[in-house]
Amino acid sequence: MGVNVREKPKGSGVYYVFIEHQGKRKAKKVGKDKRQAIQIAKKIEAKLTLGDLDLLDKEETLPLFEEYANYWLENYIKTLRRSSTYERYRDMLNRHIFPVFGKKPIDQIKKVDIKNLILQKSGEGLGRSMICLIRDVISGPMGYAVDEELLPGNPVSGVLKRLQLEREKRVKIEPLNEQEVQLFLDTCQQPYFREHYEFFLCAYRTGMRLGELLGLKWGDIDWNQKFIRVERTYKRGRFEKPKNGKVRRVDMSDQLFSALRKLLTERKKDALKLGLGAPVEFVFHRKGNPMEQNYIRRIYKRILTTAGIRNMRLHDIRHTYASLLLSQGESPVYVKEQLGHHSIQITVDVYGHLIPSSNRGAVNRLDTPQQTATYPQPVEIKKP
């Protein structure tokens, strides 16, 4: 027999009394008064000692999914993940999950309920990646509840595999070719887009993520060794570490080096005219502040339209950069370092099909060496 008081989840200030007796297990939510929880635990233990087993037959409910998911989101995701991840999960919970599971206790959400929700969302036309994200956002709080010993197992496990709705491993990529990249950059030279030329040149020559470009400062550029140190990313007024939390070096091409040098000279002249001691610290800015992502995306779409190039995401510039390097025979390891991927496997999974595979010369070298002369032929003897 055992009656224990535990704070669940840890740090929440909410206390439960956990009862284990004769193979049965129950949890009773008390509230935020630890002293009261301890007193209740003592009373329950005394009743069980006297043989009052009705306590174990009474149904006790665990936290509602909405309550527990919010705790998981605020105390785990918000603390340990990027703000963009937190916002995406919050939106997914509010739009797709809370309307169905929000008011249910976490122990009353079964595998069949999750399967039906996923089938419903799939029938509404949501893509596979969105379906997988819904699965992940339900699984997070449930897995957390398992760790806190509120649930015996995670009901989300294996659902997508049985429905054959797992994520597609290969991302469909349609990068620009060299001629299209040049057309895009030439269009940037037009008066209406000229102020954004260096931004897009930097994007196409480094493969940096959008947030990394927007957070770039002059102090991040090494003019002697011609590389950029990617230290931060910017989005919606917030600066964070780059994805994966890793600072990396990105090589600059000669063309990009010259363009940024010229831009810095112009910025210094402008600062002197305005009576400022130094130019704005951000390489790409709007009235002294970092540009917002939606603003530069609108500029990007206008350039595509003006150049007559098909509609693409701004993130596809990054894919274009990687594909052009690989098609020119650069090592996937080098591309991985430039892009800042966590592992070489990510680079190969996403871009492996772009690596040149028509090395006929290498295959032919495996063959048996060819004879330099014909085989001896029998001598023809003429009859007299």
Protein backbone atom coordinates (compact mmCIF):
# COMPACT_ATOMS: atom_id res chain seq x y z
CA MET A 1 0.00 0.00 0.00
CA GLY A 2 1.23 3.47 -0.77
CA VAL A 3 -0.21 6.98 -0.61
CA ASN A 4 2.03 9.77 -1.87
CA VAL A 5 1.73 13.49 -2.55
CA ARG A 6 3.30 14.77 -5.76
CA GLU A 7 3.42 18.04 -7.61
CA LYS A 8 2.30 17.33 -11.18
CA PRO A 9 3.73 18.61 -13.42
CA LYS A 10 6.78 19.71 -11.46
CA GLY A 11 6.82 23.44 -10.95
CA SER A 12 3.08 23.83 -11.61
CA GLY A 13 2.13 24.24 -7.95
CA VAL A 14 -0.69 21.70 -8.40
CA TYR A 15 -0.66 18.71 -6.03
CA TYR A 16 -2.11 15.22 -6.46
CA VAL A 17 -2.53 12.36 -4.05
CA PHE A 18 -1.46 9.08 -5.67
CA ILE A 19 -2.90 5.89 -4.22
CA GLU A 20 -1.53 2.39 -4.89
CA HIS A 21 -3.28 -0.48 -3.12
CA GLN A 22 -3.75 -4.16 -3.98
CA GLY A 23 -2.80 -3.68 -7.62
CA LYS A 24 -5.07 -0.68 -8.11
CA ARG A 25 -3.87 2.84 -8.75
CA LYS A 26 -5.72 6.15 -8.50
CA ALA A 27 -4.81 9.80 -8.59
CA LYS A 28 -6.78 12.53 -6.81
CA LYS A 29 -6.24 16.20 -7.64
CA VAL A 30 -6.15 18.36 -4.50
CA GLY A 31 -5.10 21.80 -5.66
CA LYS A 32 -2.31 24.25 -4.86
CA ASP A 33 -2.27 23.75 -1.09
CA LYS A 34 0.51 21.26 -0.32
CA ARG A 35 -0.31 21.12 3.38
CA GLN A 36 -3.91 20.21 2.61
CA ALA A 37 -2.74 17.53 0.19
CA ILE A 38 -0.57 15.97 2.89
CA GLN A 39 -3.49 15.94 5.35
CA ILE A 40 -5.77 14.31 2.77
CA ALA A 41 -3.11 11.69 2.05
CA LYS A 42 -2.91 10.78 5.72
CA LYS A 43 -6.71 10.40 5.94
CA ILE A 44 -6.81 8.22 2.84
CA GLU A 45 -4.00 6.05 4.16
CA ALA A 46 -5.86 5.61 7.44
CA LYS A 47 -9.08 4.60 5.67
CA LEU A 48 -7.26 2.09 3.50
CA THR A 49 -5.65 0.61 6.60
CA LEU A 50 -9.14 0.13 8.04
CA GLY A 51 -10.26 -1.65 4.88
CA ASP A 52 -12.26 1.13 3.22
CA LEU A 53 -11.70 0.16 -0.43
CA ASP A 54 -14.51 2.33 -1.83
CA LEU A 55 -11.93 5.04 -2.35
CA LEU A 56 -10.38 3.04 -5.14
CA ASP A 57 -13.70 2.51 -6.88
CA LYS A 58 -14.46 6.23 -7.15
CA GLU A 59 -13.57 7.76 -10.48
CA GLU A 60 -10.99 10.53 -10.22
CA THR A 61 -10.32 12.68 -13.25
CA LEU A 62 -6.93 13.91 -14.37
CA PRO A 63 -6.27 17.40 -15.84
CA LEU A 64 -8.16 18.46 -18.94
CA PHE A 65 -6.15 18.21 -22.15
CA GLU A 66 -6.40 21.97 -22.71
CA GLU A 67 -5.07 22.67 -19.22
CA TYR A 68 -2.22 20.20 -19.50
CA ALA A 69 -1.29 21.15 -23.09
CA ASN A 70 -1.09 24.81 -22.12
CA TYR A 71 1.22 23.93 -19.26
CA TRP A 72 3.42 21.85 -21.61
CA LEU A 73 3.45 24.67 -24.16
CA GLU A 74 4.34 27.46 -21.73
CA ASN A 75 6.82 25.62 -19.52
CA TYR A 76 8.49 23.27 -21.97
CA ILE A 77 8.15 24.44 -25.58
CA LYS A 78 8.41 28.16 -24.84
CA THR A 79 11.48 27.61 -22.70
CA LEU A 80 13.42 25.13 -24.81
CA ARG A 81 12.30 25.73 -28.40
CA ARG A 82 12.39 28.64 -30.82
CA SER A 83 9.61 31.23 -30.66
CA SER A 84 8.45 30.26 -34.17
CA THR A 85 7.94 26.66 -32.94
CA TYR A 86 5.98 27.90 -29.94
CA GLU A 87 3.73 30.07 -32.13
CA ARG A 88 3.14 27.27 -34.64
CA TYR A 89 2.19 24.81 -31.89
CA ARG A 90 -0.06 27.35 -30.20
CA ASP A 91 -1.90 28.01 -33.47
CA MET A 92 -2.27 24.29 -34.16
CA LEU A 93 -3.75 23.65 -30.70
CA ASN A 94 -6.24 26.52 -30.92
CA ARG A 95 -7.43 25.81 -34.46
CA HIS A 96 -7.48 22.03 -34.72
CA ILE A 97 -7.05 20.27 -31.39
CA PHE A 98 -8.67 22.18 -28.51
CA PRO A 99 -12.11 22.30 -30.21
CA VAL A 100 -12.12 18.47 -30.13
CA PHE A 101 -10.01 17.40 -27.13
CA GLY A 102 -9.71 20.57 -25.05
CA LYS A 103 -12.39 19.76 -22.44
CA LYS A 104 -11.55 16.07 -22.10
CA PRO A 105 -9.37 14.71 -19.26
CA ILE A 106 -6.07 13.50 -20.68
CA ASP A 107 -6.73 9.90 -19.63
CA GLN A 108 -10.03 9.81 -21.54
CA ILE A 109 -8.47 10.54 -24.94
CA LYS A 110 -7.99 7.18 -26.61
CA LYS A 111 -6.07 6.05 -29.66
CA VAL A 112 -9.29 5.70 -31.66
CA ASP A 113 -10.21 9.34 -30.86
CA ILE A 114 -6.86 10.53 -32.21
CA LYS A 115 -7.20 8.36 -35.30
CA ASN A 116 -10.67 9.78 -36.02
CA LEU A 117 -9.42 13.37 -35.65
CA ILE A 118 -6.56 12.75 -38.06
CA LEU A 119 -8.88 11.11 -40.60
CA GLN A 120 -11.25 14.06 -40.27
CA LYS A 121 -8.48 16.61 -40.88
CA SER A 122 -7.15 14.59 -43.79
CA GLY A 123 -10.65 14.54 -45.29
CA GLU A 124 -10.79 18.34 -44.93
CA GLY A 125 -7.84 18.59 -47.29
CA LEU A 126 -4.94 19.21 -44.89
CA GLY A 127 -1.59 18.15 -46.32
CA ARG A 128 0.52 15.35 -44.92
CA SER A 129 2.96 17.70 -43.22
CA MET A 130 0.08 19.44 -41.39
CA ILE A 131 -1.37 16.07 -40.35
CA CYS A 132 2.01 15.07 -38.95
CA LEU A 133 2.25 18.37 -37.08
CA ILE A 134 -1.17 17.77 -35.48
CA ARG A 135 0.08 14.34 -34.40
CA ASP A 136 3.23 15.88 -32.89
CA VAL A 137 1.33 18.55 -30.98
CA ILE A 138 -1.04 15.98 -29.45
CA SER A 139 1.82 13.60 -28.70
CA GLY A 140 3.86 16.25 -26.85
CA PRO A 141 1.56 16.76 -23.84
CA MET A 142 0.67 13.06 -23.78
CA GLY A 143 4.33 12.06 -23.67
CA TYR A 144 4.90 14.63 -20.95
CA ALA A 145 2.04 13.08 -18.95
CA VAL A 146 3.65 9.66 -19.34
CA ASP A 147 6.92 11.04 -17.96
CA GLU A 148 4.99 12.52 -15.03
CA GLU A 149 3.37 9.10 -14.41
CA LEU A 150 -0.12 10.39 -15.09
CA LEU A 151 -0.62 8.04 -18.04
CA PRO A 152 0.62 4.46 -18.56
CA GLY A 153 1.45 5.07 -22.23
CA ASN A 154 1.19 7.57 -25.10
CA PRO A 155 -2.00 6.90 -27.12
CA VAL A 156 -0.56 8.73 -30.14
CA SER A 157 2.19 6.17 -30.74
CA GLY A 158 1.90 4.37 -34.07
CA VAL A 159 -1.29 6.09 -35.26
CA LEU A 160 0.12 7.61 -38.46
CA LYS A 161 2.05 4.48 -39.32
CA ARG A 162 -1.14 2.42 -39.25
CA LEU A 163 -2.93 5.02 -41.37
CA GLN A 164 0.07 5.21 -43.75
CA LEU A 165 0.19 8.99 -43.34
CA GLU A 166 3.79 9.40 -42.22
CA ARG A 167 5.87 12.32 -43.44
CA GLU A 168 7.36 12.14 -46.89
CA LYS A 169 11.12 12.02 -46.44
CA ARG A 170 12.01 13.86 -49.63
CA VAL A 171 11.06 17.50 -50.07
CA LYS A 172 10.01 18.46 -53.59
CA ILE A 173 12.51 21.03 -54.81
CA GLU A 174 12.35 23.03 -58.04
CA PRO A 175 15.36 25.36 -57.80
CA LEU A 176 16.27 28.10 -60.26
CA ASN A 177 19.05 27.48 -62.76
CA GLU A 178 22.02 29.80 -63.25
CA GLN A 179 20.32 31.77 -66.02
CA GLU A 180 17.20 32.36 -63.91
CA VAL A 181 19.28 33.48 -60.93
CA GLN A 182 21.08 35.98 -63.15
CA LEU A 183 17.75 37.20 -64.55
CA PHE A 184 16.46 37.71 -61.00
CA LEU A 185 19.55 39.67 -59.95
CA ASP A 186 19.47 41.76 -63.15
CA THR A 187 15.86 42.65 -62.35
CA CYS A 188 17.00 43.76 -58.89
CA GLN A 189 19.19 46.34 -60.58
CA GLN A 190 16.13 48.17 -61.87
CA PRO A 191 15.52 51.49 -60.05
CA TYR A 192 12.41 50.29 -58.19
CA PHE A 193 14.23 47.29 -56.65
CA ARG A 194 17.82 48.60 -56.55
CA GLU A 195 17.97 49.08 -52.76
CA HIS A 196 17.36 45.36 -52.28
CA TYR A 197 20.01 44.09 -54.73
CA GLU A 198 22.65 43.34 -52.09
CA PHE A 199 20.12 41.54 -49.91
CA PHE A 200 19.16 39.09 -52.64
CA LEU A 201 22.74 38.74 -53.89
CA CYS A 202 23.72 37.73 -50.35
CA ALA A 203 20.82 35.25 -50.25
CA TYR A 204 21.79 33.60 -53.55
CA ARG A 205 25.53 33.51 -52.76
CA THR A 206 25.36 32.23 -49.17
CA GLY A 207 22.13 30.21 -48.81
CA MET A 208 21.46 31.90 -45.45
CA ARG A 209 17.98 31.59 -44.00
CA LEU A 210 15.67 34.59 -44.19
CA GLY A 211 15.87 35.36 -40.46
CA GLU A 212 19.66 35.07 -40.57
CA LEU A 213 19.86 37.62 -43.40
CA LEU A 214 17.58 40.04 -41.56
CA GLY A 215 19.67 39.75 -38.37
CA LEU A 216 23.03 40.22 -40.13
CA LYS A 217 25.26 42.99 -38.71
CA TRP A 218 28.35 44.62 -40.18
CA GLY A 219 30.38 43.26 -37.30
CA ASP A 220 29.57 39.71 -38.44
CA ILE A 221 31.57 40.12 -41.65
CA ASP A 222 35.26 39.19 -41.73
CA TRP A 223 36.72 41.35 -44.52
CA ASN A 224 40.16 39.72 -44.31
CA GLN A 225 39.17 36.07 -44.71
CA LYS A 226 35.99 36.80 -46.69
CA PHE A 227 33.39 35.01 -44.60
CA ILE A 228 30.21 35.85 -42.66
CA ARG A 229 29.70 34.67 -39.10
CA VAL A 230 26.02 33.70 -38.70
CA GLU A 231 25.22 34.38 -35.04
CA ARG A 232 21.54 35.26 -34.88
CA THR A 233 18.17 35.18 -36.58
CA TYR A 234 15.45 37.84 -36.53
CA LYS A 235 11.67 37.52 -36.67
CA ARG A 236 8.86 39.75 -35.39
CA GLY A 237 11.03 41.96 -33.24
CA ARG A 238 12.93 39.09 -31.60
CA PHE A 239 16.52 37.96 -31.99
CA GLU A 240 17.42 34.34 -31.36
CA LYS A 241 20.28 31.96 -32.03
CA PRO A 242 20.36 30.31 -35.46
CA LYS A 243 18.46 27.10 -36.01
CA ASN A 244 20.02 24.17 -34.09
CA GLY A 245 21.62 26.80 -31.83
CA LYS A 246 24.86 26.68 -33.80
CA VAL A 247 26.96 29.65 -34.90
CA ARG A 248 28.60 28.99 -38.28
CA ARG A 249 30.87 30.50 -40.90
CA VAL A 250 29.61 31.11 -44.44
CA ASP A 251 32.07 31.84 -47.23
CA MET A 252 31.55 34.94 -49.40
CA SER A 253 32.06 34.93 -53.16
CA ASP A 254 34.23 37.67 -54.68
CA GLN A 255 31.15 39.29 -56.21
CA LEU A 256 29.32 39.39 -52.88
CA PHE A 257 32.45 40.64 -51.07
CA SER A 258 32.78 43.58 -53.49
CA ALA A 259 29.06 44.41 -53.36
CA LEU A 260 28.96 44.49 -49.56
CA ARG A 261 32.19 46.53 -49.41
CA LYS A 262 30.66 49.11 -51.72
CA LEU A 263 27.41 49.11 -49.71
CA LEU A 264 29.29 49.72 -46.45
CA THR A 265 31.12 52.69 -48.02
CA GLU A 266 27.78 54.17 -49.11
CA ARG A 267 26.29 53.62 -45.64
CA LYS A 268 29.23 55.42 -44.02
CA LYS A 269 28.77 58.40 -46.33
CA ASP A 270 25.05 58.52 -45.52
CA ALA A 271 25.83 58.39 -41.79
CA LEU A 272 28.20 61.35 -42.11
CA LYS A 273 25.56 63.37 -43.96
CA LEU A 274 23.07 62.69 -41.16
CA GLY A 275 25.62 63.57 -38.49
CA LEU A 276 25.85 60.02 -37.17
CA GLY A 277 29.10 58.57 -35.90
CA ALA A 278 28.65 55.24 -37.65
CA PRO A 279 26.24 53.54 -40.06
CA VAL A 280 23.28 51.50 -38.82
CA GLU A 281 24.63 48.23 -37.40
CA PHE A 282 22.31 46.06 -39.50
CA VAL A 283 23.49 45.30 -43.03
CA PHE A 284 19.93 45.19 -44.38
CA HIS A 285 17.49 47.52 -42.66
CA ARG A 286 14.46 49.73 -43.14
CA LYS A 287 14.76 53.17 -41.59
CA GLY A 288 17.36 51.90 -39.16
CA ASN A 289 15.44 48.82 -38.00
CA PRO A 290 15.63 45.22 -39.24
CA MET A 291 13.21 44.47 -42.06
CA GLU A 292 10.22 42.30 -41.26
CA GLN A 293 9.89 38.98 -43.06
CA ASN A 294 6.55 39.75 -44.70
CA TYR A 295 7.90 43.02 -46.09
CA ILE A 296 10.85 41.42 -47.89
CA ARG A 297 8.63 38.54 -49.07
CA ARG A 298 6.37 41.06 -50.82
CA ILE A 299 9.41 42.62 -52.53
CA TYR A 300 10.57 39.14 -53.58
CA LYS A 301 7.20 38.32 -55.18
CA ARG A 302 7.24 41.58 -57.13
CA ILE A 303 10.69 40.85 -58.50
CA LEU A 304 9.61 37.37 -59.59
CA THR A 305 6.61 38.84 -61.41
CA THR A 306 8.66 41.58 -63.08
CA ALA A 307 11.31 39.07 -64.19
CA GLY A 308 8.68 36.64 -65.50
CA ILE A 309 9.93 33.85 -63.23
CA ARG A 310 7.51 31.25 -61.84
CA ASN A 311 6.08 31.77 -58.37
CA MET A 312 8.40 30.39 -55.68
CA ARG A 313 8.94 30.67 -51.96
CA LEU A 314 11.73 32.89 -50.72
CA HIS A 315 13.13 29.83 -48.92
CA ASP A 316 13.69 28.28 -52.36
CA ILE A 317 16.65 30.64 -52.79
CA ARG A 318 18.37 28.48 -50.17
CA HIS A 319 17.51 25.33 -52.16
CA THR A 320 18.80 27.01 -55.33
CA TYR A 321 22.11 27.82 -53.66
CA ALA A 322 22.58 24.21 -52.52
CA SER A 323 21.55 22.68 -55.83
CA LEU A 324 23.90 24.88 -57.86
CA LEU A 325 26.84 24.00 -55.62
CA LEU A 326 26.11 20.27 -55.81
CA SER A 327 25.54 20.32 -59.58
CA GLN A 328 28.99 21.88 -59.96
CA GLY A 329 30.55 18.96 -58.11
CA GLU A 330 30.99 20.50 -54.64
CA SER A 331 31.16 18.11 -51.71
CA PRO A 332 27.90 17.50 -49.77
CA VAL A 333 29.99 18.00 -46.62
CA TYR A 334 30.88 21.55 -47.70
CA VAL A 335 27.24 22.28 -48.59
CA LYS A 336 26.16 20.93 -45.20
CA GLU A 337 28.57 23.28 -43.40
CA GLN A 338 27.49 26.29 -45.46
CA LEU A 339 23.78 25.65 -44.88
CA GLY A 340 24.20 24.90 -41.18
CA HIS A 341 22.47 21.51 -41.26
CA HIS A 342 22.61 19.49 -38.06
CA SER A 343 23.97 16.43 -39.87
CA ILE A 344 25.13 15.33 -43.31
CA GLN A 345 22.12 12.99 -43.45
CA ILE A 346 19.76 15.97 -43.69
CA THR A 347 21.73 17.36 -46.63
CA VAL A 348 21.74 14.02 -48.43
CA ASP A 349 18.02 13.38 -47.75
CA VAL A 350 16.98 16.79 -49.10
CA TYR A 351 19.48 17.29 -51.92
CA GLY A 352 20.86 13.82 -52.64
CA HIS A 353 18.96 13.51 -55.92
CA LEU A 354 20.68 16.68 -57.18
CA ILE A 355 24.19 15.27 -56.82
CA PRO A 356 25.55 14.46 -60.31
CA SER A 357 25.29 10.75 -61.03
CA SER A 358 26.34 10.56 -64.68
CA ASN A 359 30.02 9.82 -64.02
CA ARG A 360 30.31 7.26 -66.80
CA GLY A 361 34.07 7.52 -66.74
CA ALA A 362 34.23 6.26 -63.17
CA VAL A 363 31.99 3.29 -63.98
CA ASN A 364 33.91 2.38 -67.10
CA ARG A 365 37.14 2.20 -65.12
CA LEU A 366 35.72 -0.86 -63.38
CA ASP A 367 35.62 -2.79 -66.67
CA THR A 368 38.34 -5.15 -67.88
CA PRO A 369 40.97 -3.15 -69.82
CA GLN A 370 40.26 -3.18 -73.56
CA GLN A 371 42.59 -5.03 -75.94
CA THR A 372 44.72 -2.69 -78.03
CA ALA A 373 44.92 -5.22 -80.90
CA THR A 374 42.54 -7.74 -82.39
CA TYR A 375 42.72 -11.34 -81.37
CA PRO A 376 44.88 -13.58 -83.68
CA GLN A 377 42.88 -14.96 -86.60
CA PRO A 378 43.45 -18.39 -88.20
CA VAL A 379 45.49 -18.28 -91.41
CA GLU A 380 43.48 -18.99 -94.49
CA ILE A 381 45.13 -21.76 -96.60
CA LYS A 382 44.25 -21.84 -100.26
CA LYS A 383 43.95 -25.19 -101.95
CA PRO A 384 46.17 -25.70 -105.03
